[in-house]
Amino acid sequence: MTLRRWFRRILIAVVSLVVLGLLGWAALFVPAVYFRAAFFLIQRASVVRDRVDWSAVRAEADELRRGARTTADTYPAIRLVLQRLGDHHSHPASPEPGCTATEQARPHRP
């Protein structure tokens, strides 16, 4: 096989990987995918996951997020899922740009 043929195959493989990576990243901005990913992470990482009726929480959250057009529209449903954990520990971080987790945790002082 010639060097030119190998180069073409490698180039096609690299371009394919880049395109697939970008498509996967872009899928996170689809509200339904965004919510499902958040729900999955919450369900798997929760310390109290064995005490939660996940199907009931999912049904309630699905009702709340129905019609979401942006990922921000799914925040109320995600907050509901975190609230239903009842652990008084889990809470959503603010999506505000430039706001770090440390700044969010600090009480506001005038």
PDB file of N, CA and C in Angstrom:
ATOM      1  N   MET A   1       0.846  -1.175   0.000  1.00  0.00           N
ATOM      2  CA  MET A   1       0.000   0.000   0.000  1.00  0.00           C
ATOM      3  C   MET A   1       0.894   1.242   0.000  1.00  0.00           C
ATOM      4  N   THR A   2       0.497   2.207  -0.759  1.00  0.00           N
ATOM      5  CA  THR A   2       1.321   3.401  -0.887  1.00  0.00           C
ATOM      6  C   THR A   2       1.134   4.323   0.303  1.00  0.00           C
ATOM      7  N   LEU A   3       2.088   5.195   0.464  1.00  0.00           N
ATOM      8  CA  LEU A   3       2.058   6.167   1.551  1.00  0.00           C
ATOM      9  C   LEU A   3       0.856   7.101   1.407  1.00  0.00           C
ATOM     10  N   ARG A   4       0.548   7.431   0.166  1.00  0.00           N
ATOM     11  CA  ARG A   4      -0.591   8.319  -0.081  1.00  0.00           C
ATOM     12  C   ARG A   4      -1.906   7.679   0.375  1.00  0.00           C
ATOM     13  N   ARG A   5      -2.065   6.399   0.136  1.00  0.00           N
ATOM     14  CA  ARG A   5      -3.270   5.683   0.542  1.00  0.00           C
ATOM     15  C   ARG A   5      -3.384   5.624   2.070  1.00  0.00           C
ATOM     16  N   TRP A   6      -2.268   5.367   2.751  1.00  0.00           N
ATOM     17  CA  TRP A   6      -2.265   5.346   4.222  1.00  0.00           C
ATOM     18  C   TRP A   6      -2.622   6.715   4.781  1.00  0.00           C
ATOM     19  N   PHE A   7      -2.045   7.745   4.179  1.00  0.00           N
ATOM     20  CA  PHE A   7      -2.327   9.103   4.635  1.00  0.00           C
ATOM     21  C   PHE A   7      -3.815   9.419   4.492  1.00  0.00           C
ATOM     22  N   ARG A   8      -4.417   9.019   3.377  1.00  0.00           N
ATOM     23  CA  ARG A   8      -5.839   9.260   3.145  1.00  0.00           C
ATOM     24  C   ARG A   8      -6.693   8.525   4.187  1.00  0.00           C
ATOM     25  N   ARG A   9      -6.358   7.296   4.492  1.00  0.00           N
ATOM     26  CA  ARG A   9      -7.113   6.530   5.485  1.00  0.00           C
ATOM     27  C   ARG A   9      -7.002   7.150   6.876  1.00  0.00           C
ATOM     28  N   ILE A  10      -5.812   7.562   7.229  1.00  0.00           N
ATOM     29  CA  ILE A  10      -5.623   8.196   8.548  1.00  0.00           C
ATOM     30  C   ILE A  10      -6.387   9.510   8.613  1.00  0.00           C
ATOM     31  N   LEU A  11      -6.341  10.285   7.560  1.00  0.00           N
ATOM     32  CA  LEU A  11      -7.068  11.555   7.514  1.00  0.00           C
ATOM     33  C   LEU A  11      -8.572  11.334   7.648  1.00  0.00           C
ATOM     34  N   ILE A  12      -9.113  10.345   6.975  1.00  0.00           N
ATOM     35  CA  ILE A  12     -10.544  10.033   7.071  1.00  0.00           C
ATOM     36  C   ILE A  12     -10.896   9.610   8.498  1.00  0.00           C
ATOM     37  N   ALA A  13     -10.048   8.804   9.121  1.00  0.00           N
ATOM     38  CA  ALA A  13     -10.304   8.364  10.499  1.00  0.00           C
ATOM     39  C   ALA A  13     -10.291   9.541  11.464  1.00  0.00           C
ATOM     40  N   VAL A  14      -9.330  10.436  11.328  1.00  0.00           N
ATOM     41  CA  VAL A  14      -9.231  11.593  12.223  1.00  0.00           C
ATOM     42  C   VAL A  14     -10.427  12.521  12.040  1.00  0.00           C
ATOM     43  N   VAL A  15     -10.789  12.801  10.810  1.00  0.00           N
ATOM     44  CA  VAL A  15     -11.942  13.671  10.540  1.00  0.00           C
ATOM     45  C   VAL A  15     -13.214  13.038  11.100  1.00  0.00           C
ATOM     46  N   SER A  16     -13.356  11.731  10.925  1.00  0.00           N
ATOM     47  CA  SER A  16     -14.542  11.033  11.452  1.00  0.00           C
ATOM     48  C   SER A  16     -14.621  11.152  12.961  1.00  0.00           C
ATOM     49  N   LEU A  17     -13.497  10.968  13.644  1.00  0.00           N
ATOM     50  CA  LEU A  17     -13.482  11.082  15.108  1.00  0.00           C
ATOM     51  C   LEU A  17     -13.818  12.497  15.567  1.00  0.00           C
ATOM     52  N   VAL A  18     -13.305  13.482  14.885  1.00  0.00           N
ATOM     53  CA  VAL A  18     -13.591  14.874  15.243  1.00  0.00           C
ATOM     54  C   VAL A  18     -15.077  15.172  15.058  1.00  0.00           C
ATOM     55  N   VAL A  19     -15.645  14.758  13.935  1.00  0.00           N
ATOM     56  CA  VAL A  19     -17.068  15.005  13.670  1.00  0.00           C
ATOM     57  C   VAL A  19     -17.933  14.297  14.706  1.00  0.00           C
ATOM     58  N   LEU A  20     -17.638  13.040  14.998  1.00  0.00           N
ATOM     59  CA  LEU A  20     -18.420  12.307  15.996  1.00  0.00           C
ATOM     60  C   LEU A  20     -18.286  12.940  17.373  1.00  0.00           C
ATOM     61  N   GLY A  21     -17.096  13.403  17.718  1.00  0.00           N
ATOM     62  CA  GLY A  21     -16.896  14.077  19.001  1.00  0.00           C
ATOM     63  C   GLY A  21     -17.708  15.352  19.102  1.00  0.00           C
ATOM     64  N   LEU A  22     -17.721  16.133  18.038  1.00  0.00           N
ATOM     65  CA  LEU A  22     -18.494  17.380  18.043  1.00  0.00           C
ATOM     66  C   LEU A  22     -19.987  17.102  18.119  1.00  0.00           C
ATOM     67  N   LEU A  23     -20.446  16.063  17.426  1.00  0.00           N
ATOM     68  CA  LEU A  23     -21.866  15.722  17.492  1.00  0.00           C
ATOM     69  C   LEU A  23     -22.256  15.272  18.896  1.00  0.00           C
ATOM     70  N   GLY A  24     -21.395  14.502  19.540  1.00  0.00           N
ATOM     71  CA  GLY A  24     -21.664  14.068  20.913  1.00  0.00           C
ATOM     72  C   GLY A  24     -21.711  15.236  21.872  1.00  0.00           C
ATOM     73  N   TRP A  25     -20.800  16.183  21.707  1.00  0.00           N
ATOM     74  CA  TRP A  25     -20.759  17.367  22.559  1.00  0.00           C
ATOM     75  C   TRP A  25     -21.994  18.223  22.336  1.00  0.00           C
ATOM     76  N   ALA A  26     -22.404  18.363  21.083  1.00  0.00           N
ATOM     77  CA  ALA A  26     -23.576  19.176  20.762  1.00  0.00           C
ATOM     78  C   ALA A  26     -24.855  18.561  21.308  1.00  0.00           C
ATOM     79  N   ALA A  27     -24.891  17.241  21.445  1.00  0.00           N
ATOM     80  CA  ALA A  27     -26.093  16.573  21.962  1.00  0.00           C
ATOM     81  C   ALA A  27     -26.396  16.991  23.392  1.00  0.00           C
ATOM     82  N   LEU A  28     -25.382  17.435  24.125  1.00  0.00           N
ATOM     83  CA  LEU A  28     -25.613  17.879  25.494  1.00  0.00           C
ATOM     84  C   LEU A  28     -26.463  19.147  25.553  1.00  0.00           C
ATOM     85  N   PHE A  29     -26.604  19.835  24.437  1.00  0.00           N
ATOM     86  CA  PHE A  29     -27.410  21.050  24.411  1.00  0.00           C
ATOM     87  C   PHE A  29     -28.845  20.781  23.981  1.00  0.00           C
ATOM     88  N   VAL A  30     -29.183  19.521  23.772  1.00  0.00           N
ATOM     89  CA  VAL A  30     -30.561  19.124  23.522  1.00  0.00           C
ATOM     90  C   VAL A  30     -31.185  18.903  24.903  1.00  0.00           C
ATOM     91  N   PRO A  31     -32.251  19.616  25.246  1.00  0.00           N
ATOM     92  CA  PRO A  31     -32.792  19.560  26.612  1.00  0.00           C
ATOM     93  C   PRO A  31     -33.080  18.148  27.135  1.00  0.00           C
ATOM     94  N   ALA A  32     -33.642  17.288  26.312  1.00  0.00           N
ATOM     95  CA  ALA A  32     -33.966  15.933  26.777  1.00  0.00           C
ATOM     96  C   ALA A  32     -32.701  15.150  27.117  1.00  0.00           C
ATOM     97  N   VAL A  33     -31.680  15.278  26.295  1.00  0.00           N
ATOM     98  CA  VAL A  33     -30.411  14.584  26.548  1.00  0.00           C
ATOM     99  C   VAL A  33     -29.741  15.158  27.792  1.00  0.00           C
ATOM    100  N   TYR A  34     -29.777  16.465  27.922  1.00  0.00           N
ATOM    101  CA  TYR A  34     -29.183  17.143  29.071  1.00  0.00           C
ATOM    102  C   TYR A  34     -29.836  16.665  30.371  1.00  0.00           C
ATOM    103  N   PHE A  35     -31.172  16.608  30.373  1.00  0.00           N
ATOM    104  CA  PHE A  35     -31.880  16.163  31.570  1.00  0.00           C
ATOM    105  C   PHE A  35     -31.586  14.702  31.880  1.00  0.00           C
ATOM    106  N   ARG A  36     -31.606  13.850  30.856  1.00  0.00           N
ATOM    107  CA  ARG A  36     -31.333  12.423  31.092  1.00  0.00           C
ATOM    108  C   ARG A  36     -29.942  12.207  31.646  1.00  0.00           C
ATOM    109  N   ALA A  37     -28.965  12.958  31.143  1.00  0.00           N
ATOM    110  CA  ALA A  37     -27.596  12.836  31.653  1.00  0.00           C
ATOM    111  C   ALA A  37     -27.531  13.283  33.115  1.00  0.00           C
ATOM    112  N   ALA A  38     -28.184  14.389  33.435  1.00  0.00           N
ATOM    113  CA  ALA A  38     -28.193  14.874  34.818  1.00  0.00           C
ATOM    114  C   ALA A  38     -28.904  13.881  35.736  1.00  0.00           C
ATOM    115  N   PHE A  39     -30.036  13.365  35.299  1.00  0.00           N
ATOM    116  CA  PHE A  39     -30.792  12.400  36.101  1.00  0.00           C
ATOM    117  C   PHE A  39     -29.955  11.150  36.362  1.00  0.00           C
ATOM    118  N   PHE A  40     -29.297  10.659  35.327  1.00  0.00           N
ATOM    119  CA  PHE A  40     -28.451   9.473  35.471  1.00  0.00           C
ATOM    120  C   PHE A  40     -27.340   9.721  36.488  1.00  0.00           C
ATOM    121  N   LEU A  41     -26.671  10.867  36.381  1.00  0.00           N
ATOM    122  CA  LEU A  41     -25.576  11.176  37.306  1.00  0.00           C
ATOM    123  C   LEU A  41     -26.072  11.316  38.742  1.00  0.00           C
ATOM    124  N   ILE A  42     -27.204  11.966  38.915  1.00  0.00           N
ATOM    125  CA  ILE A  42     -27.768  12.122  40.259  1.00  0.00           C
ATOM    126  C   ILE A  42     -28.137  10.762  40.830  1.00  0.00           C
ATOM    127  N   GLN A  43     -28.782   9.946  40.023  1.00  0.00           N
ATOM    128  CA  GLN A  43     -29.227   8.628  40.474  1.00  0.00           C
ATOM    129  C   GLN A  43     -28.041   7.745  40.859  1.00  0.00           C
ATOM    130  N   ARG A  44     -26.985   7.779  40.089  1.00  0.00           N
ATOM    131  CA  ARG A  44     -25.826   6.922  40.359  1.00  0.00           C
ATOM    132  C   ARG A  44     -24.965   7.438  41.510  1.00  0.00           C
ATOM    133  N   ALA A  45     -24.886   8.746  41.688  1.00  0.00           N
ATOM    134  CA  ALA A  45     -23.977   9.307  42.679  1.00  0.00           C
ATOM    135  C   ALA A  45     -24.618   9.561  44.037  1.00  0.00           C
ATOM    136  N   SER A  46     -25.922   9.467  44.114  1.00  0.00           N
ATOM    137  CA  SER A  46     -26.606   9.794  45.369  1.00  0.00           C
ATOM    138  C   SER A  46     -26.289   8.775  46.463  1.00  0.00           C
ATOM    139  N   VAL A  47     -26.030   9.296  47.647  1.00  0.00           N
ATOM    140  CA  VAL A  47     -25.759   8.450  48.806  1.00  0.00           C
ATOM    141  C   VAL A  47     -27.043   7.753  49.262  1.00  0.00           C
ATOM    142  N   VAL A  48     -28.179   8.393  49.025  1.00  0.00           N
ATOM    143  CA  VAL A  48     -29.468   7.842  49.468  1.00  0.00           C
ATOM    144  C   VAL A  48     -30.236   7.199  48.317  1.00  0.00           C
ATOM    145  N   ARG A  49     -29.536   6.760  47.279  1.00  0.00           N
ATOM    146  CA  ARG A  49     -30.200   6.241  46.073  1.00  0.00           C
ATOM    147  C   ARG A  49     -31.101   5.042  46.330  1.00  0.00           C
ATOM    148  N   ASP A  50     -30.820   4.279  47.392  1.00  0.00           N
ATOM    149  CA  ASP A  50     -31.639   3.099  47.689  1.00  0.00           C
ATOM    150  C   ASP A  50     -32.964   3.456  48.359  1.00  0.00           C
ATOM    151  N   ARG A  51     -33.086   4.686  48.840  1.00  0.00           N
ATOM    152  CA  ARG A  51     -34.301   5.104  49.536  1.00  0.00           C
ATOM    153  C   ARG A  51     -35.232   5.949  48.681  1.00  0.00           C
ATOM    154  N   VAL A  52     -34.914   6.116  47.418  1.00  0.00           N
ATOM    155  CA  VAL A  52     -35.688   6.989  46.536  1.00  0.00           C
ATOM    156  C   VAL A  52     -36.474   6.139  45.539  1.00  0.00           C
ATOM    157  N   ASP A  53     -37.734   6.498  45.332  1.00  0.00           N
ATOM    158  CA  ASP A  53     -38.554   5.851  44.307  1.00  0.00           C
ATOM    159  C   ASP A  53     -38.263   6.568  42.986  1.00  0.00           C
ATOM    160  N   TRP A  54     -37.273   6.060  42.263  1.00  0.00           N
ATOM    161  CA  TRP A  54     -36.777   6.749  41.084  1.00  0.00           C
ATOM    162  C   TRP A  54     -37.808   6.850  39.972  1.00  0.00           C
ATOM    163  N   SER A  55     -38.655   5.858  39.825  1.00  0.00           N
ATOM    164  CA  SER A  55     -39.649   5.937  38.754  1.00  0.00           C
ATOM    165  C   SER A  55     -40.662   7.049  39.033  1.00  0.00           C
ATOM    166  N   ALA A  56     -41.038   7.227  40.288  1.00  0.00           N
ATOM    167  CA  ALA A  56     -41.967   8.305  40.640  1.00  0.00           C
ATOM    168  C   ALA A  56     -41.300   9.667  40.475  1.00  0.00           C
ATOM    169  N   VAL A  57     -40.049   9.778  40.890  1.00  0.00           N
ATOM    170  CA  VAL A  57     -39.311  11.043  40.753  1.00  0.00           C
ATOM    171  C   VAL A  57     -39.141  11.370  39.276  1.00  0.00           C
ATOM    172  N   ARG A  58     -38.813  10.365  38.471  1.00  0.00           N
ATOM    173  CA  ARG A  58     -38.618  10.575  37.032  1.00  0.00           C
ATOM    174  C   ARG A  58     -39.920  11.037  36.374  1.00  0.00           C
ATOM    175  N   ALA A  59     -41.030  10.418  36.739  1.00  0.00           N
ATOM    176  CA  ALA A  59     -42.315  10.803  36.156  1.00  0.00           C
ATOM    177  C   ALA A  59     -42.672  12.244  36.517  1.00  0.00           C
ATOM    178  N   GLU A  60     -42.438  12.606  37.766  1.00  0.00           N
ATOM    179  CA  GLU A  60     -42.737  13.973  38.217  1.00  0.00           C
ATOM    180  C   GLU A  60     -41.832  14.989  37.520  1.00  0.00           C
ATOM    181  N   ALA A  61     -40.566  14.655  37.404  1.00  0.00           N
ATOM    182  CA  ALA A  61     -39.615  15.558  36.745  1.00  0.00           C
ATOM    183  C   ALA A  61     -39.904  15.655  35.249  1.00  0.00           C
ATOM    184  N   ASP A  62     -40.297  14.554  34.629  1.00  0.00           N
ATOM    185  CA  ASP A  62     -40.636  14.585  33.200  1.00  0.00           C
ATOM    186  C   ASP A  62     -41.807  15.524  32.932  1.00  0.00           C
ATOM    187  N   GLU A  63     -42.779  15.525  33.829  1.00  0.00           N
ATOM    188  CA  GLU A  63     -43.911  16.451  33.686  1.00  0.00           C
ATOM    189  C   GLU A  63     -43.433  17.899  33.745  1.00  0.00           C
ATOM    190  N   LEU A  64     -42.488  18.154  34.644  1.00  0.00           N
ATOM    191  CA  LEU A  64     -41.995  19.513  34.838  1.00  0.00           C
ATOM    192  C   LEU A  64     -41.146  19.987  33.658  1.00  0.00           C
ATOM    193  N   ARG A  65     -40.406  19.099  33.055  1.00  0.00           N
ATOM    194  CA  ARG A  65     -39.508  19.502  31.970  1.00  0.00           C
ATOM    195  C   ARG A  65     -40.147  19.406  30.591  1.00  0.00           C
ATOM    196  N   ARG A  66     -41.349  18.876  30.526  1.00  0.00           N
ATOM    197  CA  ARG A  66     -42.033  18.727  29.235  1.00  0.00           C
ATOM    198  C   ARG A  66     -42.134  20.082  28.542  1.00  0.00           C
ATOM    199  N   GLY A  67     -41.770  20.110  27.283  1.00  0.00           N
ATOM    200  CA  GLY A  67     -41.817  21.349  26.513  1.00  0.00           C
ATOM    201  C   GLY A  67     -40.572  22.200  26.629  1.00  0.00           C
ATOM    202  N   ALA A  68     -39.541  21.704  27.300  1.00  0.00           N
ATOM    203  CA  ALA A  68     -38.304  22.473  27.443  1.00  0.00           C
ATOM    204  C   ALA A  68     -37.670  22.707  26.077  1.00  0.00           C
ATOM    205  N   ARG A  69     -37.286  23.949  25.830  1.00  0.00           N
ATOM    206  CA  ARG A  69     -36.670  24.289  24.556  1.00  0.00           C
ATOM    207  C   ARG A  69     -35.162  24.513  24.692  1.00  0.00           C
ATOM    208  N   THR A  70     -34.723  24.804  25.910  1.00  0.00           N
ATOM    209  CA  THR A  70     -33.292  25.007  26.162  1.00  0.00           C
ATOM    210  C   THR A  70     -32.893  24.177  27.378  1.00  0.00           C
ATOM    211  N   THR A  71     -31.595  24.021  27.565  1.00  0.00           N
ATOM    212  CA  THR A  71     -31.138  23.277  28.733  1.00  0.00           C
ATOM    213  C   THR A  71     -31.522  24.008  30.017  1.00  0.00           C
ATOM    214  N   ALA A  72     -31.568  25.324  29.974  1.00  0.00           N
ATOM    215  CA  ALA A  72     -31.966  26.093  31.155  1.00  0.00           C
ATOM    216  C   ALA A  72     -33.409  25.793  31.551  1.00  0.00           C
ATOM    217  N   ASP A  73     -34.233  25.425  30.586  1.00  0.00           N
ATOM    218  CA  ASP A  73     -35.624  25.080  30.885  1.00  0.00           C
ATOM    219  C   ASP A  73     -35.742  23.783  31.682  1.00  0.00           C
ATOM    220  N   THR A  74     -34.666  22.998  31.717  1.00  0.00           N
ATOM    221  CA  THR A  74     -34.689  21.736  32.469  1.00  0.00           C
ATOM    222  C   THR A  74     -34.252  21.921  33.919  1.00  0.00           C
ATOM    223  N   TYR A  75     -33.745  23.096  34.275  1.00  0.00           N
ATOM    224  CA  TYR A  75     -33.248  23.320  35.644  1.00  0.00           C
ATOM    225  C   TYR A  75     -34.303  23.069  36.717  1.00  0.00           C
ATOM    226  N   PRO A  76     -35.549  23.526  36.548  1.00  0.00           N
ATOM    227  CA  PRO A  76     -36.554  23.230  37.583  1.00  0.00           C
ATOM    228  C   PRO A  76     -36.745  21.733  37.806  1.00  0.00           C
ATOM    229  N   ALA A  77     -36.711  20.953  36.733  1.00  0.00           N
ATOM    230  CA  ALA A  77     -36.860  19.499  36.871  1.00  0.00           C
ATOM    231  C   ALA A  77     -35.655  18.896  37.587  1.00  0.00           C
ATOM    232  N   ILE A  78     -34.468  19.396  37.278  1.00  0.00           N
ATOM    233  CA  ILE A  78     -33.255  18.895  37.948  1.00  0.00           C
ATOM    234  C   ILE A  78     -33.283  19.273  39.425  1.00  0.00           C
ATOM    235  N   ARG A  79     -33.723  20.501  39.721  1.00  0.00           N
ATOM    236  CA  ARG A  79     -33.844  20.919  41.127  1.00  0.00           C
ATOM    237  C   ARG A  79     -34.838  20.031  41.874  1.00  0.00           C
ATOM    238  N   LEU A  80     -35.936  19.667  41.206  1.00  0.00           N
ATOM    239  CA  LEU A  80     -36.936  18.794  41.812  1.00  0.00           C
ATOM    240  C   LEU A  80     -36.328  17.434  42.154  1.00  0.00           C
ATOM    241  N   VAL A  81     -35.561  16.875  41.237  1.00  0.00           N
ATOM    242  CA  VAL A  81     -34.919  15.576  41.477  1.00  0.00           C
ATOM    243  C   VAL A  81     -33.993  15.680  42.695  1.00  0.00           C
ATOM    244  N   LEU A  82     -33.208  16.733  42.761  1.00  0.00           N
ATOM    245  CA  LEU A  82     -32.303  16.912  43.903  1.00  0.00           C
ATOM    246  C   LEU A  82     -33.081  17.103  45.201  1.00  0.00           C
ATOM    247  N   GLN A  83     -34.192  17.813  45.119  1.00  0.00           N
ATOM    248  CA  GLN A  83     -35.026  18.031  46.303  1.00  0.00           C
ATOM    249  C   GLN A  83     -35.645  16.720  46.786  1.00  0.00           C
ATOM    250  N   ARG A  84     -36.055  15.867  45.845  1.00  0.00           N
ATOM    251  CA  ARG A  84     -36.689  14.593  46.212  1.00  0.00           C
ATOM    252  C   ARG A  84     -35.712  13.613  46.863  1.00  0.00           C
ATOM    253  N   LEU A  85     -34.414  13.887  46.753  1.00  0.00           N
ATOM    254  CA  LEU A  85     -33.442  13.040  47.454  1.00  0.00           C
ATOM    255  C   LEU A  85     -33.637  13.161  48.968  1.00  0.00           C
ATOM    256  N   GLY A  86     -33.981  14.364  49.395  1.00  0.00           N
ATOM    257  CA  GLY A  86     -34.241  14.593  50.812  1.00  0.00           C
ATOM    258  C   GLY A  86     -33.014  14.499  51.689  1.00  0.00           C
ATOM    259  N   ASP A  87     -31.830  14.630  51.096  1.00  0.00           N
ATOM    260  CA  ASP A  87     -30.619  14.509  51.910  1.00  0.00           C
ATOM    261  C   ASP A  87     -30.122  15.851  52.465  1.00  0.00           C
ATOM    262  N   HIS A  88     -30.765  16.944  52.073  1.00  0.00           N
ATOM    263  CA  HIS A  88     -30.400  18.291  52.535  1.00  0.00           C
ATOM    264  C   HIS A  88     -28.922  18.580  52.287  1.00  0.00           C
ATOM    265  N   HIS A  89     -28.382  17.914  51.286  1.00  0.00           N
ATOM    266  CA  HIS A  89     -26.972  18.086  50.971  1.00  0.00           C
ATOM    267  C   HIS A  89     -26.791  18.455  49.499  1.00  0.00           C
ATOM    268  N   SER A  90     -27.517  17.777  48.647  1.00  0.00           N
ATOM    269  CA  SER A  90     -27.372  17.985  47.210  1.00  0.00           C
ATOM    270  C   SER A  90     -28.109  19.236  46.777  1.00  0.00           C
ATOM    271  N   HIS A  91     -27.452  20.020  45.938  1.00  0.00           N
ATOM    272  CA  HIS A  91     -28.063  21.235  45.402  1.00  0.00           C
ATOM    273  C   HIS A  91     -27.410  21.561  44.068  1.00  0.00           C
ATOM    274  N   PRO A  92     -28.138  22.227  43.196  1.00  0.00           N
ATOM    275  CA  PRO A  92     -27.560  22.572  41.898  1.00  0.00           C
ATOM    276  C   PRO A  92     -26.624  23.760  42.010  1.00  0.00           C
ATOM    277  N   ALA A  93     -25.595  23.756  41.190  1.00  0.00           N
ATOM    278  CA  ALA A  93     -24.689  24.905  41.114  1.00  0.00           C
ATOM    279  C   ALA A  93     -25.261  25.882  40.099  1.00  0.00           C
ATOM    280  N   SER A  94     -25.020  27.136  40.320  1.00  0.00           N
ATOM    281  CA  SER A  94     -25.509  28.164  39.421  1.00  0.00           C
ATOM    282  C   SER A  94     -24.773  28.088  38.083  1.00  0.00           C
ATOM    283  N   PRO A  95     -25.493  28.192  36.977  1.00  0.00           N
ATOM    284  CA  PRO A  95     -24.832  28.158  35.677  1.00  0.00           C
ATOM    285  C   PRO A  95     -24.276  29.511  35.248  1.00  0.00           C
ATOM    286  N   GLU A  96     -24.251  30.471  36.158  1.00  0.00           N
ATOM    287  CA  GLU A  96     -23.776  31.805  35.799  1.00  0.00           C
ATOM    288  C   GLU A  96     -22.304  31.749  35.402  1.00  0.00           C
ATOM    289  N   PRO A  97     -21.957  32.340  34.267  1.00  0.00           N
ATOM    290  CA  PRO A  97     -20.558  32.323  33.834  1.00  0.00           C
ATOM    291  C   PRO A  97     -19.679  33.117  34.797  1.00  0.00           C
ATOM    292  N   GLY A  98     -18.517  32.606  35.068  1.00  0.00           N
ATOM    293  CA  GLY A  98     -17.571  33.297  35.923  1.00  0.00           C
ATOM    294  C   GLY A  98     -17.827  33.115  37.405  1.00  0.00           C
ATOM    295  N   CYS A  99     -18.835  32.385  37.777  1.00  0.00           N
ATOM    296  CA  CYS A  99     -19.154  32.173  39.183  1.00  0.00           C
ATOM    297  C   CYS A  99     -18.629  30.807  39.597  1.00  0.00           C
ATOM    298  N   THR A 100     -17.666  30.771  40.501  1.00  0.00           N
ATOM    299  CA  THR A 100     -17.073  29.507  40.915  1.00  0.00           C
ATOM    300  C   THR A 100     -17.891  28.878  42.036  1.00  0.00           C
ATOM    301  N   ALA A 101     -17.648  27.617  42.276  1.00  0.00           N
ATOM    302  CA  ALA A 101     -18.362  26.899  43.335  1.00  0.00           C
ATOM    303  C   ALA A 101     -18.053  27.514  44.697  1.00  0.00           C
ATOM    304  N   THR A 102     -16.844  27.978  44.880  1.00  0.00           N
ATOM    305  CA  THR A 102     -16.472  28.603  46.152  1.00  0.00           C
ATOM    306  C   THR A 102     -17.259  29.883  46.372  1.00  0.00           C
ATOM    307  N   GLU A 103     -17.422  30.676  45.318  1.00  0.00           N
ATOM    308  CA  GLU A 103     -18.190  31.915  45.430  1.00  0.00           C
ATOM    309  C   GLU A 103     -19.654  31.637  45.723  1.00  0.00           C
ATOM    310  N   GLN A 104     -20.192  30.550  45.167  1.00  0.00           N
ATOM    311  CA  GLN A 104     -21.587  30.193  45.404  1.00  0.00           C
ATOM    312  C   GLN A 104     -21.809  29.745  46.836  1.00  0.00           C
ATOM    313  N   ALA A 105     -20.815  29.103  47.425  1.00  0.00           N
ATOM    314  CA  ALA A 105     -20.949  28.566  48.771  1.00  0.00           C
ATOM    315  C   ALA A 105     -20.843  29.659  49.837  1.00  0.00           C
ATOM    316  N   ARG A 106     -20.163  30.751  49.509  1.00  0.00           N
ATOM    317  CA  ARG A 106     -19.997  31.829  50.469  1.00  0.00           C
ATOM    318  C   ARG A 106     -21.293  32.606  50.677  1.00  0.00           C
ATOM    319  N   PRO A 107     -21.620  32.922  51.910  1.00  0.00           N
ATOM    320  CA  PRO A 107     -22.808  33.769  52.120  1.00  0.00           C
ATOM    321  C   PRO A 107     -22.545  35.180  51.619  1.00  0.00           C
ATOM    322  N   HIS A 108     -23.585  35.784  51.091  1.00  0.00           N
ATOM    323  CA  HIS A 108     -23.464  37.136  50.586  1.00  0.00           C
ATOM    324  C   HIS A 108     -23.383  38.125  51.750  1.00  0.00           C
ATOM    325  N   ARG A 109     -22.351  38.970  51.711  1.00  0.00           N
ATOM    326  CA  ARG A 109     -22.194  40.001  52.751  1.00  0.00           C
ATOM    327  C   ARG A 109     -22.172  41.356  52.108  1.00  0.00           C
ATOM    328  N   PRO A 110     -23.085  42.221  52.492  1.00  0.00           N
ATOM    329  CA  PRO A 110     -23.124  43.563  51.891  1.00  0.00           C
ATOM    330  C   PRO A 110     -21.975  44.440  52.302  1.00  0.00           C
TER     331      PRO A 110
END
